Amino acid sequence: VTAGSTPEIGRKVDDLYKSVIIAGT
């Protein structure tokens, strides 16, 4: 599960974890 303080930051945080988490986000 991911989240950010703004929609844009949420996508950045999500992309960061998505780049290494095989199971997805």
PDBML (XML) file of the C-alpha atoms, coordinates in Angstrom:
<?xml version="1.0" encoding="UTF-8" ?>
<PDBx:datablock datablockName="MODEL"
   xmlns:PDBx="http://pdbml.pdb.org/schema/pdbx-v50.xsd"
   xmlns:xsi="http://www.w3.org/2001/XMLSchema-instance"
   xsi:schemaLocation="http://pdbml.pdb.org/schema/pdbx-v50.xsd pdbx-v50.xsd">
   <PDBx:atom_siteCategory>
      <PDBx:atom_site id="1">
         <PDBx:B_iso_or_equiv>0.00</PDBx:B_iso_or_equiv>
         <PDBx:Cartn_x>0.000</PDBx:Cartn_x>
         <PDBx:Cartn_y>0.000</PDBx:Cartn_y>
         <PDBx:Cartn_z>0.000</PDBx:Cartn_z>
         <PDBx:auth_asym_id>A</PDBx:auth_asym_id>
         <PDBx:auth_atom_id>CA</PDBx:auth_atom_id>
         <PDBx:auth_comp_id>VAL</PDBx:auth_comp_id>
         <PDBx:auth_seq_id>1</PDBx:auth_seq_id>
         <PDBx:group_PDB>ATOM</PDBx:group_PDB>
         <PDBx:label_alt_id xsi:nil="true" />
         <PDBx:label_asym_id>A</PDBx:label_asym_id>
         <PDBx:label_atom_id>CA</PDBx:label_atom_id>
         <PDBx:label_comp_id>VAL</PDBx:label_comp_id>
         <PDBx:label_entity_id>1</PDBx:label_entity_id>
         <PDBx:label_seq_id>1</PDBx:label_seq_id>
         <PDBx:occupancy>1.00</PDBx:occupancy>
         <PDBx:pdbx_PDB_model_num>1</PDBx:pdbx_PDB_model_num>
         <PDBx:type_symbol>C</PDBx:type_symbol>
      </PDBx:atom_site>
      <PDBx:atom_site id="2">
         <PDBx:B_iso_or_equiv>0.00</PDBx:B_iso_or_equiv>
         <PDBx:Cartn_x>1.364</PDBx:Cartn_x>
         <PDBx:Cartn_y>3.429</PDBx:Cartn_y>
         <PDBx:Cartn_z>-0.923</PDBx:Cartn_z>
         <PDBx:auth_asym_id>A</PDBx:auth_asym_id>
         <PDBx:auth_atom_id>CA</PDBx:auth_atom_id>
         <PDBx:auth_comp_id>THR</PDBx:auth_comp_id>
         <PDBx:auth_seq_id>2</PDBx:auth_seq_id>
         <PDBx:group_PDB>ATOM</PDBx:group_PDB>
         <PDBx:label_alt_id xsi:nil="true" />
         <PDBx:label_asym_id>A</PDBx:label_asym_id>
         <PDBx:label_atom_id>CA</PDBx:label_atom_id>
         <PDBx:label_comp_id>THR</PDBx:label_comp_id>
         <PDBx:label_entity_id>1</PDBx:label_entity_id>
         <PDBx:label_seq_id>2</PDBx:label_seq_id>
         <PDBx:occupancy>1.00</PDBx:occupancy>
         <PDBx:pdbx_PDB_model_num>1</PDBx:pdbx_PDB_model_num>
         <PDBx:type_symbol>C</PDBx:type_symbol>
      </PDBx:atom_site>
      <PDBx:atom_site id="3">
         <PDBx:B_iso_or_equiv>0.00</PDBx:B_iso_or_equiv>
         <PDBx:Cartn_x>0.273</PDBx:Cartn_x>
         <PDBx:Cartn_y>7.030</PDBx:Cartn_y>
         <PDBx:Cartn_z>-0.436</PDBx:Cartn_z>
         <PDBx:auth_asym_id>A</PDBx:auth_asym_id>
         <PDBx:auth_atom_id>CA</PDBx:auth_atom_id>
         <PDBx:auth_comp_id>ALA</PDBx:auth_comp_id>
         <PDBx:auth_seq_id>3</PDBx:auth_seq_id>
         <PDBx:group_PDB>ATOM</PDBx:group_PDB>
         <PDBx:label_alt_id xsi:nil="true" />
         <PDBx:label_asym_id>A</PDBx:label_asym_id>
         <PDBx:label_atom_id>CA</PDBx:label_atom_id>
         <PDBx:label_comp_id>ALA</PDBx:label_comp_id>
         <PDBx:label_entity_id>1</PDBx:label_entity_id>
         <PDBx:label_seq_id>3</PDBx:label_seq_id>
         <PDBx:occupancy>1.00</PDBx:occupancy>
         <PDBx:pdbx_PDB_model_num>1</PDBx:pdbx_PDB_model_num>
         <PDBx:type_symbol>C</PDBx:type_symbol>
      </PDBx:atom_site>
      <PDBx:atom_site id="4">
         <PDBx:B_iso_or_equiv>0.00</PDBx:B_iso_or_equiv>
         <PDBx:Cartn_x>1.585</PDBx:Cartn_x>
         <PDBx:Cartn_y>10.567</PDBx:Cartn_y>
         <PDBx:Cartn_z>-0.853</PDBx:Cartn_z>
         <PDBx:auth_asym_id>A</PDBx:auth_asym_id>
         <PDBx:auth_atom_id>CA</PDBx:auth_atom_id>
         <PDBx:auth_comp_id>GLY</PDBx:auth_comp_id>
         <PDBx:auth_seq_id>4</PDBx:auth_seq_id>
         <PDBx:group_PDB>ATOM</PDBx:group_PDB>
         <PDBx:label_alt_id xsi:nil="true" />
         <PDBx:label_asym_id>A</PDBx:label_asym_id>
         <PDBx:label_atom_id>CA</PDBx:label_atom_id>
         <PDBx:label_comp_id>GLY</PDBx:label_comp_id>
         <PDBx:label_entity_id>1</PDBx:label_entity_id>
         <PDBx:label_seq_id>4</PDBx:label_seq_id>
         <PDBx:occupancy>1.00</PDBx:occupancy>
         <PDBx:pdbx_PDB_model_num>1</PDBx:pdbx_PDB_model_num>
         <PDBx:type_symbol>C</PDBx:type_symbol>
      </PDBx:atom_site>
      <PDBx:atom_site id="5">
         <PDBx:B_iso_or_equiv>0.00</PDBx:B_iso_or_equiv>
         <PDBx:Cartn_x>0.823</PDBx:Cartn_x>
         <PDBx:Cartn_y>14.016</PDBx:Cartn_y>
         <PDBx:Cartn_z>0.555</PDBx:Cartn_z>
         <PDBx:auth_asym_id>A</PDBx:auth_asym_id>
         <PDBx:auth_atom_id>CA</PDBx:auth_atom_id>
         <PDBx:auth_comp_id>SER</PDBx:auth_comp_id>
         <PDBx:auth_seq_id>5</PDBx:auth_seq_id>
         <PDBx:group_PDB>ATOM</PDBx:group_PDB>
         <PDBx:label_alt_id xsi:nil="true" />
         <PDBx:label_asym_id>A</PDBx:label_asym_id>
         <PDBx:label_atom_id>CA</PDBx:label_atom_id>
         <PDBx:label_comp_id>SER</PDBx:label_comp_id>
         <PDBx:label_entity_id>1</PDBx:label_entity_id>
         <PDBx:label_seq_id>5</PDBx:label_seq_id>
         <PDBx:occupancy>1.00</PDBx:occupancy>
         <PDBx:pdbx_PDB_model_num>1</PDBx:pdbx_PDB_model_num>
         <PDBx:type_symbol>C</PDBx:type_symbol>
      </PDBx:atom_site>
      <PDBx:atom_site id="6">
         <PDBx:B_iso_or_equiv>0.00</PDBx:B_iso_or_equiv>
         <PDBx:Cartn_x>-0.296</PDBx:Cartn_x>
         <PDBx:Cartn_y>15.193</PDBx:Cartn_y>
         <PDBx:Cartn_z>-2.917</PDBx:Cartn_z>
         <PDBx:auth_asym_id>A</PDBx:auth_asym_id>
         <PDBx:auth_atom_id>CA</PDBx:auth_atom_id>
         <PDBx:auth_comp_id>THR</PDBx:auth_comp_id>
         <PDBx:auth_seq_id>6</PDBx:auth_seq_id>
         <PDBx:group_PDB>ATOM</PDBx:group_PDB>
         <PDBx:label_alt_id xsi:nil="true" />
         <PDBx:label_asym_id>A</PDBx:label_asym_id>
         <PDBx:label_atom_id>CA</PDBx:label_atom_id>
         <PDBx:label_comp_id>THR</PDBx:label_comp_id>
         <PDBx:label_entity_id>1</PDBx:label_entity_id>
         <PDBx:label_seq_id>6</PDBx:label_seq_id>
         <PDBx:occupancy>1.00</PDBx:occupancy>
         <PDBx:pdbx_PDB_model_num>1</PDBx:pdbx_PDB_model_num>
         <PDBx:type_symbol>C</PDBx:type_symbol>
      </PDBx:atom_site>
      <PDBx:atom_site id="7">
         <PDBx:B_iso_or_equiv>0.00</PDBx:B_iso_or_equiv>
         <PDBx:Cartn_x>-1.600</PDBx:Cartn_x>
         <PDBx:Cartn_y>13.201</PDBx:Cartn_y>
         <PDBx:Cartn_z>-5.900</PDBx:Cartn_z>
         <PDBx:auth_asym_id>A</PDBx:auth_asym_id>
         <PDBx:auth_atom_id>CA</PDBx:auth_atom_id>
         <PDBx:auth_comp_id>PRO</PDBx:auth_comp_id>
         <PDBx:auth_seq_id>7</PDBx:auth_seq_id>
         <PDBx:group_PDB>ATOM</PDBx:group_PDB>
         <PDBx:label_alt_id xsi:nil="true" />
         <PDBx:label_asym_id>A</PDBx:label_asym_id>
         <PDBx:label_atom_id>CA</PDBx:label_atom_id>
         <PDBx:label_comp_id>PRO</PDBx:label_comp_id>
         <PDBx:label_entity_id>1</PDBx:label_entity_id>
         <PDBx:label_seq_id>7</PDBx:label_seq_id>
         <PDBx:occupancy>1.00</PDBx:occupancy>
         <PDBx:pdbx_PDB_model_num>1</PDBx:pdbx_PDB_model_num>
         <PDBx:type_symbol>C</PDBx:type_symbol>
      </PDBx:atom_site>
      <PDBx:atom_site id="8">
         <PDBx:B_iso_or_equiv>0.00</PDBx:B_iso_or_equiv>
         <PDBx:Cartn_x>1.667</PDBx:Cartn_x>
         <PDBx:Cartn_y>13.741</PDBx:Cartn_y>
         <PDBx:Cartn_z>-7.778</PDBx:Cartn_z>
         <PDBx:auth_asym_id>A</PDBx:auth_asym_id>
         <PDBx:auth_atom_id>CA</PDBx:auth_atom_id>
         <PDBx:auth_comp_id>GLU</PDBx:auth_comp_id>
         <PDBx:auth_seq_id>8</PDBx:auth_seq_id>
         <PDBx:group_PDB>ATOM</PDBx:group_PDB>
         <PDBx:label_alt_id xsi:nil="true" />
         <PDBx:label_asym_id>A</PDBx:label_asym_id>
         <PDBx:label_atom_id>CA</PDBx:label_atom_id>
         <PDBx:label_comp_id>GLU</PDBx:label_comp_id>
         <PDBx:label_entity_id>1</PDBx:label_entity_id>
         <PDBx:label_seq_id>8</PDBx:label_seq_id>
         <PDBx:occupancy>1.00</PDBx:occupancy>
         <PDBx:pdbx_PDB_model_num>1</PDBx:pdbx_PDB_model_num>
         <PDBx:type_symbol>C</PDBx:type_symbol>
      </PDBx:atom_site>
      <PDBx:atom_site id="9">
         <PDBx:B_iso_or_equiv>0.00</PDBx:B_iso_or_equiv>
         <PDBx:Cartn_x>3.783</PDBx:Cartn_x>
         <PDBx:Cartn_y>12.615</PDBx:Cartn_y>
         <PDBx:Cartn_z>-4.802</PDBx:Cartn_z>
         <PDBx:auth_asym_id>A</PDBx:auth_asym_id>
         <PDBx:auth_atom_id>CA</PDBx:auth_atom_id>
         <PDBx:auth_comp_id>ILE</PDBx:auth_comp_id>
         <PDBx:auth_seq_id>9</PDBx:auth_seq_id>
         <PDBx:group_PDB>ATOM</PDBx:group_PDB>
         <PDBx:label_alt_id xsi:nil="true" />
         <PDBx:label_asym_id>A</PDBx:label_asym_id>
         <PDBx:label_atom_id>CA</PDBx:label_atom_id>
         <PDBx:label_comp_id>ILE</PDBx:label_comp_id>
         <PDBx:label_entity_id>1</PDBx:label_entity_id>
         <PDBx:label_seq_id>9</PDBx:label_seq_id>
         <PDBx:occupancy>1.00</PDBx:occupancy>
         <PDBx:pdbx_PDB_model_num>1</PDBx:pdbx_PDB_model_num>
         <PDBx:type_symbol>C</PDBx:type_symbol>
      </PDBx:atom_site>
      <PDBx:atom_site id="10">
         <PDBx:B_iso_or_equiv>0.00</PDBx:B_iso_or_equiv>
         <PDBx:Cartn_x>1.492</PDBx:Cartn_x>
         <PDBx:Cartn_y>9.620</PDBx:Cartn_y>
         <PDBx:Cartn_z>-4.326</PDBx:Cartn_z>
         <PDBx:auth_asym_id>A</PDBx:auth_asym_id>
         <PDBx:auth_atom_id>CA</PDBx:auth_atom_id>
         <PDBx:auth_comp_id>GLY</PDBx:auth_comp_id>
         <PDBx:auth_seq_id>10</PDBx:auth_seq_id>
         <PDBx:group_PDB>ATOM</PDBx:group_PDB>
         <PDBx:label_alt_id xsi:nil="true" />
         <PDBx:label_asym_id>A</PDBx:label_asym_id>
         <PDBx:label_atom_id>CA</PDBx:label_atom_id>
         <PDBx:label_comp_id>GLY</PDBx:label_comp_id>
         <PDBx:label_entity_id>1</PDBx:label_entity_id>
         <PDBx:label_seq_id>10</PDBx:label_seq_id>
         <PDBx:occupancy>1.00</PDBx:occupancy>
         <PDBx:pdbx_PDB_model_num>1</PDBx:pdbx_PDB_model_num>
         <PDBx:type_symbol>C</PDBx:type_symbol>
      </PDBx:atom_site>
      <PDBx:atom_site id="11">
         <PDBx:B_iso_or_equiv>0.00</PDBx:B_iso_or_equiv>
         <PDBx:Cartn_x>2.302</PDBx:Cartn_x>
         <PDBx:Cartn_y>8.520</PDBx:Cartn_y>
         <PDBx:Cartn_z>-7.881</PDBx:Cartn_z>
         <PDBx:auth_asym_id>A</PDBx:auth_asym_id>
         <PDBx:auth_atom_id>CA</PDBx:auth_atom_id>
         <PDBx:auth_comp_id>ARG</PDBx:auth_comp_id>
         <PDBx:auth_seq_id>11</PDBx:auth_seq_id>
         <PDBx:group_PDB>ATOM</PDBx:group_PDB>
         <PDBx:label_alt_id xsi:nil="true" />
         <PDBx:label_asym_id>A</PDBx:label_asym_id>
         <PDBx:label_atom_id>CA</PDBx:label_atom_id>
         <PDBx:label_comp_id>ARG</PDBx:label_comp_id>
         <PDBx:label_entity_id>1</PDBx:label_entity_id>
         <PDBx:label_seq_id>11</PDBx:label_seq_id>
         <PDBx:occupancy>1.00</PDBx:occupancy>
         <PDBx:pdbx_PDB_model_num>1</PDBx:pdbx_PDB_model_num>
         <PDBx:type_symbol>C</PDBx:type_symbol>
      </PDBx:atom_site>
      <PDBx:atom_site id="12">
         <PDBx:B_iso_or_equiv>0.00</PDBx:B_iso_or_equiv>
         <PDBx:Cartn_x>6.032</PDBx:Cartn_x>
         <PDBx:Cartn_y>9.050</PDBx:Cartn_y>
         <PDBx:Cartn_z>-7.266</PDBx:Cartn_z>
         <PDBx:auth_asym_id>A</PDBx:auth_asym_id>
         <PDBx:auth_atom_id>CA</PDBx:auth_atom_id>
         <PDBx:auth_comp_id>LYS</PDBx:auth_comp_id>
         <PDBx:auth_seq_id>12</PDBx:auth_seq_id>
         <PDBx:group_PDB>ATOM</PDBx:group_PDB>
         <PDBx:label_alt_id xsi:nil="true" />
         <PDBx:label_asym_id>A</PDBx:label_asym_id>
         <PDBx:label_atom_id>CA</PDBx:label_atom_id>
         <PDBx:label_comp_id>LYS</PDBx:label_comp_id>
         <PDBx:label_entity_id>1</PDBx:label_entity_id>
         <PDBx:label_seq_id>12</PDBx:label_seq_id>
         <PDBx:occupancy>1.00</PDBx:occupancy>
         <PDBx:pdbx_PDB_model_num>1</PDBx:pdbx_PDB_model_num>
         <PDBx:type_symbol>C</PDBx:type_symbol>
      </PDBx:atom_site>
      <PDBx:atom_site id="13">
         <PDBx:B_iso_or_equiv>0.00</PDBx:B_iso_or_equiv>
         <PDBx:Cartn_x>5.952</PDBx:Cartn_x>
         <PDBx:Cartn_y>6.985</PDBx:Cartn_y>
         <PDBx:Cartn_z>-4.074</PDBx:Cartn_z>
         <PDBx:auth_asym_id>A</PDBx:auth_asym_id>
         <PDBx:auth_atom_id>CA</PDBx:auth_atom_id>
         <PDBx:auth_comp_id>VAL</PDBx:auth_comp_id>
         <PDBx:auth_seq_id>13</PDBx:auth_seq_id>
         <PDBx:group_PDB>ATOM</PDBx:group_PDB>
         <PDBx:label_alt_id xsi:nil="true" />
         <PDBx:label_asym_id>A</PDBx:label_asym_id>
         <PDBx:label_atom_id>CA</PDBx:label_atom_id>
         <PDBx:label_comp_id>VAL</PDBx:label_comp_id>
         <PDBx:label_entity_id>1</PDBx:label_entity_id>
         <PDBx:label_seq_id>13</PDBx:label_seq_id>
         <PDBx:occupancy>1.00</PDBx:occupancy>
         <PDBx:pdbx_PDB_model_num>1</PDBx:pdbx_PDB_model_num>
         <PDBx:type_symbol>C</PDBx:type_symbol>
      </PDBx:atom_site>
      <PDBx:atom_site id="14">
         <PDBx:B_iso_or_equiv>0.00</PDBx:B_iso_or_equiv>
         <PDBx:Cartn_x>3.908</PDBx:Cartn_x>
         <PDBx:Cartn_y>4.316</PDBx:Cartn_y>
         <PDBx:Cartn_z>-5.827</PDBx:Cartn_z>
         <PDBx:auth_asym_id>A</PDBx:auth_asym_id>
         <PDBx:auth_atom_id>CA</PDBx:auth_atom_id>
         <PDBx:auth_comp_id>ASP</PDBx:auth_comp_id>
         <PDBx:auth_seq_id>14</PDBx:auth_seq_id>
         <PDBx:group_PDB>ATOM</PDBx:group_PDB>
         <PDBx:label_alt_id xsi:nil="true" />
         <PDBx:label_asym_id>A</PDBx:label_asym_id>
         <PDBx:label_atom_id>CA</PDBx:label_atom_id>
         <PDBx:label_comp_id>ASP</PDBx:label_comp_id>
         <PDBx:label_entity_id>1</PDBx:label_entity_id>
         <PDBx:label_seq_id>14</PDBx:label_seq_id>
         <PDBx:occupancy>1.00</PDBx:occupancy>
         <PDBx:pdbx_PDB_model_num>1</PDBx:pdbx_PDB_model_num>
         <PDBx:type_symbol>C</PDBx:type_symbol>
      </PDBx:atom_site>
      <PDBx:atom_site id="15">
         <PDBx:B_iso_or_equiv>0.00</PDBx:B_iso_or_equiv>
         <PDBx:Cartn_x>6.323</PDBx:Cartn_x>
         <PDBx:Cartn_y>4.198</PDBx:Cartn_y>
         <PDBx:Cartn_z>-8.780</PDBx:Cartn_z>
         <PDBx:auth_asym_id>A</PDBx:auth_asym_id>
         <PDBx:auth_atom_id>CA</PDBx:auth_atom_id>
         <PDBx:auth_comp_id>ASP</PDBx:auth_comp_id>
         <PDBx:auth_seq_id>15</PDBx:auth_seq_id>
         <PDBx:group_PDB>ATOM</PDBx:group_PDB>
         <PDBx:label_alt_id xsi:nil="true" />
         <PDBx:label_asym_id>A</PDBx:label_asym_id>
         <PDBx:label_atom_id>CA</PDBx:label_atom_id>
         <PDBx:label_comp_id>ASP</PDBx:label_comp_id>
         <PDBx:label_entity_id>1</PDBx:label_entity_id>
         <PDBx:label_seq_id>15</PDBx:label_seq_id>
         <PDBx:occupancy>1.00</PDBx:occupancy>
         <PDBx:pdbx_PDB_model_num>1</PDBx:pdbx_PDB_model_num>
         <PDBx:type_symbol>C</PDBx:type_symbol>
      </PDBx:atom_site>
      <PDBx:atom_site id="16">
         <PDBx:B_iso_or_equiv>0.00</PDBx:B_iso_or_equiv>
         <PDBx:Cartn_x>9.285</PDBx:Cartn_x>
         <PDBx:Cartn_y>3.883</PDBx:Cartn_y>
         <PDBx:Cartn_z>-6.412</PDBx:Cartn_z>
         <PDBx:auth_asym_id>A</PDBx:auth_asym_id>
         <PDBx:auth_atom_id>CA</PDBx:auth_atom_id>
         <PDBx:auth_comp_id>LEU</PDBx:auth_comp_id>
         <PDBx:auth_seq_id>16</PDBx:auth_seq_id>
         <PDBx:group_PDB>ATOM</PDBx:group_PDB>
         <PDBx:label_alt_id xsi:nil="true" />
         <PDBx:label_asym_id>A</PDBx:label_asym_id>
         <PDBx:label_atom_id>CA</PDBx:label_atom_id>
         <PDBx:label_comp_id>LEU</PDBx:label_comp_id>
         <PDBx:label_entity_id>1</PDBx:label_entity_id>
         <PDBx:label_seq_id>16</PDBx:label_seq_id>
         <PDBx:occupancy>1.00</PDBx:occupancy>
         <PDBx:pdbx_PDB_model_num>1</PDBx:pdbx_PDB_model_num>
         <PDBx:type_symbol>C</PDBx:type_symbol>
      </PDBx:atom_site>
      <PDBx:atom_site id="17">
         <PDBx:B_iso_or_equiv>0.00</PDBx:B_iso_or_equiv>
         <PDBx:Cartn_x>7.900</PDBx:Cartn_x>
         <PDBx:Cartn_y>0.827</PDBx:Cartn_y>
         <PDBx:Cartn_z>-4.665</PDBx:Cartn_z>
         <PDBx:auth_asym_id>A</PDBx:auth_asym_id>
         <PDBx:auth_atom_id>CA</PDBx:auth_atom_id>
         <PDBx:auth_comp_id>TYR</PDBx:auth_comp_id>
         <PDBx:auth_seq_id>17</PDBx:auth_seq_id>
         <PDBx:group_PDB>ATOM</PDBx:group_PDB>
         <PDBx:label_alt_id xsi:nil="true" />
         <PDBx:label_asym_id>A</PDBx:label_asym_id>
         <PDBx:label_atom_id>CA</PDBx:label_atom_id>
         <PDBx:label_comp_id>TYR</PDBx:label_comp_id>
         <PDBx:label_entity_id>1</PDBx:label_entity_id>
         <PDBx:label_seq_id>17</PDBx:label_seq_id>
         <PDBx:occupancy>1.00</PDBx:occupancy>
         <PDBx:pdbx_PDB_model_num>1</PDBx:pdbx_PDB_model_num>
         <PDBx:type_symbol>C</PDBx:type_symbol>
      </PDBx:atom_site>
      <PDBx:atom_site id="18">
         <PDBx:B_iso_or_equiv>0.00</PDBx:B_iso_or_equiv>
         <PDBx:Cartn_x>6.418</PDBx:Cartn_x>
         <PDBx:Cartn_y>-0.612</PDBx:Cartn_y>
         <PDBx:Cartn_z>-7.855</PDBx:Cartn_z>
         <PDBx:auth_asym_id>A</PDBx:auth_asym_id>
         <PDBx:auth_atom_id>CA</PDBx:auth_atom_id>
         <PDBx:auth_comp_id>LYS</PDBx:auth_comp_id>
         <PDBx:auth_seq_id>18</PDBx:auth_seq_id>
         <PDBx:group_PDB>ATOM</PDBx:group_PDB>
         <PDBx:label_alt_id xsi:nil="true" />
         <PDBx:label_asym_id>A</PDBx:label_asym_id>
         <PDBx:label_atom_id>CA</PDBx:label_atom_id>
         <PDBx:label_comp_id>LYS</PDBx:label_comp_id>
         <PDBx:label_entity_id>1</PDBx:label_entity_id>
         <PDBx:label_seq_id>18</PDBx:label_seq_id>
         <PDBx:occupancy>1.00</PDBx:occupancy>
         <PDBx:pdbx_PDB_model_num>1</PDBx:pdbx_PDB_model_num>
         <PDBx:type_symbol>C</PDBx:type_symbol>
      </PDBx:atom_site>
      <PDBx:atom_site id="19">
         <PDBx:B_iso_or_equiv>0.00</PDBx:B_iso_or_equiv>
         <PDBx:Cartn_x>9.926</PDBx:Cartn_x>
         <PDBx:Cartn_y>-0.699</PDBx:Cartn_y>
         <PDBx:Cartn_z>-9.337</PDBx:Cartn_z>
         <PDBx:auth_asym_id>A</PDBx:auth_asym_id>
         <PDBx:auth_atom_id>CA</PDBx:auth_atom_id>
         <PDBx:auth_comp_id>SER</PDBx:auth_comp_id>
         <PDBx:auth_seq_id>19</PDBx:auth_seq_id>
         <PDBx:group_PDB>ATOM</PDBx:group_PDB>
         <PDBx:label_alt_id xsi:nil="true" />
         <PDBx:label_asym_id>A</PDBx:label_asym_id>
         <PDBx:label_atom_id>CA</PDBx:label_atom_id>
         <PDBx:label_comp_id>SER</PDBx:label_comp_id>
         <PDBx:label_entity_id>1</PDBx:label_entity_id>
         <PDBx:label_seq_id>19</PDBx:label_seq_id>
         <PDBx:occupancy>1.00</PDBx:occupancy>
         <PDBx:pdbx_PDB_model_num>1</PDBx:pdbx_PDB_model_num>
         <PDBx:type_symbol>C</PDBx:type_symbol>
      </PDBx:atom_site>
      <PDBx:atom_site id="20">
         <PDBx:B_iso_or_equiv>0.00</PDBx:B_iso_or_equiv>
         <PDBx:Cartn_x>11.051</PDBx:Cartn_x>
         <PDBx:Cartn_y>-3.372</PDBx:Cartn_y>
         <PDBx:Cartn_z>-6.814</PDBx:Cartn_z>
         <PDBx:auth_asym_id>A</PDBx:auth_asym_id>
         <PDBx:auth_atom_id>CA</PDBx:auth_atom_id>
         <PDBx:auth_comp_id>VAL</PDBx:auth_comp_id>
         <PDBx:auth_seq_id>20</PDBx:auth_seq_id>
         <PDBx:group_PDB>ATOM</PDBx:group_PDB>
         <PDBx:label_alt_id xsi:nil="true" />
         <PDBx:label_asym_id>A</PDBx:label_asym_id>
         <PDBx:label_atom_id>CA</PDBx:label_atom_id>
         <PDBx:label_comp_id>VAL</PDBx:label_comp_id>
         <PDBx:label_entity_id>1</PDBx:label_entity_id>
         <PDBx:label_seq_id>20</PDBx:label_seq_id>
         <PDBx:occupancy>1.00</PDBx:occupancy>
         <PDBx:pdbx_PDB_model_num>1</PDBx:pdbx_PDB_model_num>
         <PDBx:type_symbol>C</PDBx:type_symbol>
      </PDBx:atom_site>
      <PDBx:atom_site id="21">
         <PDBx:B_iso_or_equiv>0.00</PDBx:B_iso_or_equiv>
         <PDBx:Cartn_x>7.888</PDBx:Cartn_x>
         <PDBx:Cartn_y>-4.979</PDBx:Cartn_y>
         <PDBx:Cartn_z>-5.400</PDBx:Cartn_z>
         <PDBx:auth_asym_id>A</PDBx:auth_asym_id>
         <PDBx:auth_atom_id>CA</PDBx:auth_atom_id>
         <PDBx:auth_comp_id>ILE</PDBx:auth_comp_id>
         <PDBx:auth_seq_id>21</PDBx:auth_seq_id>
         <PDBx:group_PDB>ATOM</PDBx:group_PDB>
         <PDBx:label_alt_id xsi:nil="true" />
         <PDBx:label_asym_id>A</PDBx:label_asym_id>
         <PDBx:label_atom_id>CA</PDBx:label_atom_id>
         <PDBx:label_comp_id>ILE</PDBx:label_comp_id>
         <PDBx:label_entity_id>1</PDBx:label_entity_id>
         <PDBx:label_seq_id>21</PDBx:label_seq_id>
         <PDBx:occupancy>1.00</PDBx:occupancy>
         <PDBx:pdbx_PDB_model_num>1</PDBx:pdbx_PDB_model_num>
         <PDBx:type_symbol>C</PDBx:type_symbol>
      </PDBx:atom_site>
      <PDBx:atom_site id="22">
         <PDBx:B_iso_or_equiv>0.00</PDBx:B_iso_or_equiv>
         <PDBx:Cartn_x>7.054</PDBx:Cartn_x>
         <PDBx:Cartn_y>-8.031</PDBx:Cartn_y>
         <PDBx:Cartn_z>-7.526</PDBx:Cartn_z>
         <PDBx:auth_asym_id>A</PDBx:auth_asym_id>
         <PDBx:auth_atom_id>CA</PDBx:auth_atom_id>
         <PDBx:auth_comp_id>ILE</PDBx:auth_comp_id>
         <PDBx:auth_seq_id>22</PDBx:auth_seq_id>
         <PDBx:group_PDB>ATOM</PDBx:group_PDB>
         <PDBx:label_alt_id xsi:nil="true" />
         <PDBx:label_asym_id>A</PDBx:label_asym_id>
         <PDBx:label_atom_id>CA</PDBx:label_atom_id>
         <PDBx:label_comp_id>ILE</PDBx:label_comp_id>
         <PDBx:label_entity_id>1</PDBx:label_entity_id>
         <PDBx:label_seq_id>22</PDBx:label_seq_id>
         <PDBx:occupancy>1.00</PDBx:occupancy>
         <PDBx:pdbx_PDB_model_num>1</PDBx:pdbx_PDB_model_num>
         <PDBx:type_symbol>C</PDBx:type_symbol>
      </PDBx:atom_site>
      <PDBx:atom_site id="23">
         <PDBx:B_iso_or_equiv>0.00</PDBx:B_iso_or_equiv>
         <PDBx:Cartn_x>3.571</PDBx:Cartn_x>
         <PDBx:Cartn_y>-8.391</PDBx:Cartn_y>
         <PDBx:Cartn_z>-6.000</PDBx:Cartn_z>
         <PDBx:auth_asym_id>A</PDBx:auth_asym_id>
         <PDBx:auth_atom_id>CA</PDBx:auth_atom_id>
         <PDBx:auth_comp_id>ALA</PDBx:auth_comp_id>
         <PDBx:auth_seq_id>23</PDBx:auth_seq_id>
         <PDBx:group_PDB>ATOM</PDBx:group_PDB>
         <PDBx:label_alt_id xsi:nil="true" />
         <PDBx:label_asym_id>A</PDBx:label_asym_id>
         <PDBx:label_atom_id>CA</PDBx:label_atom_id>
         <PDBx:label_comp_id>ALA</PDBx:label_comp_id>
         <PDBx:label_entity_id>1</PDBx:label_entity_id>
         <PDBx:label_seq_id>23</PDBx:label_seq_id>
         <PDBx:occupancy>1.00</PDBx:occupancy>
         <PDBx:pdbx_PDB_model_num>1</PDBx:pdbx_PDB_model_num>
         <PDBx:type_symbol>C</PDBx:type_symbol>
      </PDBx:atom_site>
      <PDBx:atom_site id="24">
         <PDBx:B_iso_or_equiv>0.00</PDBx:B_iso_or_equiv>
         <PDBx:Cartn_x>2.615</PDBx:Cartn_x>
         <PDBx:Cartn_y>-4.883</PDBx:Cartn_y>
         <PDBx:Cartn_z>-7.076</PDBx:Cartn_z>
         <PDBx:auth_asym_id>A</PDBx:auth_asym_id>
         <PDBx:auth_atom_id>CA</PDBx:auth_atom_id>
         <PDBx:auth_comp_id>GLY</PDBx:auth_comp_id>
         <PDBx:auth_seq_id>24</PDBx:auth_seq_id>
         <PDBx:group_PDB>ATOM</PDBx:group_PDB>
         <PDBx:label_alt_id xsi:nil="true" />
         <PDBx:label_asym_id>A</PDBx:label_asym_id>
         <PDBx:label_atom_id>CA</PDBx:label_atom_id>
         <PDBx:label_comp_id>GLY</PDBx:label_comp_id>
         <PDBx:label_entity_id>1</PDBx:label_entity_id>
         <PDBx:label_seq_id>24</PDBx:label_seq_id>
         <PDBx:occupancy>1.00</PDBx:occupancy>
         <PDBx:pdbx_PDB_model_num>1</PDBx:pdbx_PDB_model_num>
         <PDBx:type_symbol>C</PDBx:type_symbol>
      </PDBx:atom_site>
      <PDBx:atom_site id="25">
         <PDBx:B_iso_or_equiv>0.00</PDBx:B_iso_or_equiv>
         <PDBx:Cartn_x>1.220</PDBx:Cartn_x>
         <PDBx:Cartn_y>-1.881</PDBx:Cartn_y>
         <PDBx:Cartn_z>-5.219</PDBx:Cartn_z>
         <PDBx:auth_asym_id>A</PDBx:auth_asym_id>
         <PDBx:auth_atom_id>CA</PDBx:auth_atom_id>
         <PDBx:auth_comp_id>THR</PDBx:auth_comp_id>
         <PDBx:auth_seq_id>25</PDBx:auth_seq_id>
         <PDBx:group_PDB>ATOM</PDBx:group_PDB>
         <PDBx:label_alt_id xsi:nil="true" />
         <PDBx:label_asym_id>A</PDBx:label_asym_id>
         <PDBx:label_atom_id>CA</PDBx:label_atom_id>
         <PDBx:label_comp_id>THR</PDBx:label_comp_id>
         <PDBx:label_entity_id>1</PDBx:label_entity_id>
         <PDBx:label_seq_id>25</PDBx:label_seq_id>
         <PDBx:occupancy>1.00</PDBx:occupancy>
         <PDBx:pdbx_PDB_model_num>1</PDBx:pdbx_PDB_model_num>
         <PDBx:type_symbol>C</PDBx:type_symbol>
      </PDBx:atom_site>
   </PDBx:atom_siteCategory>
</PDBx:datablock>
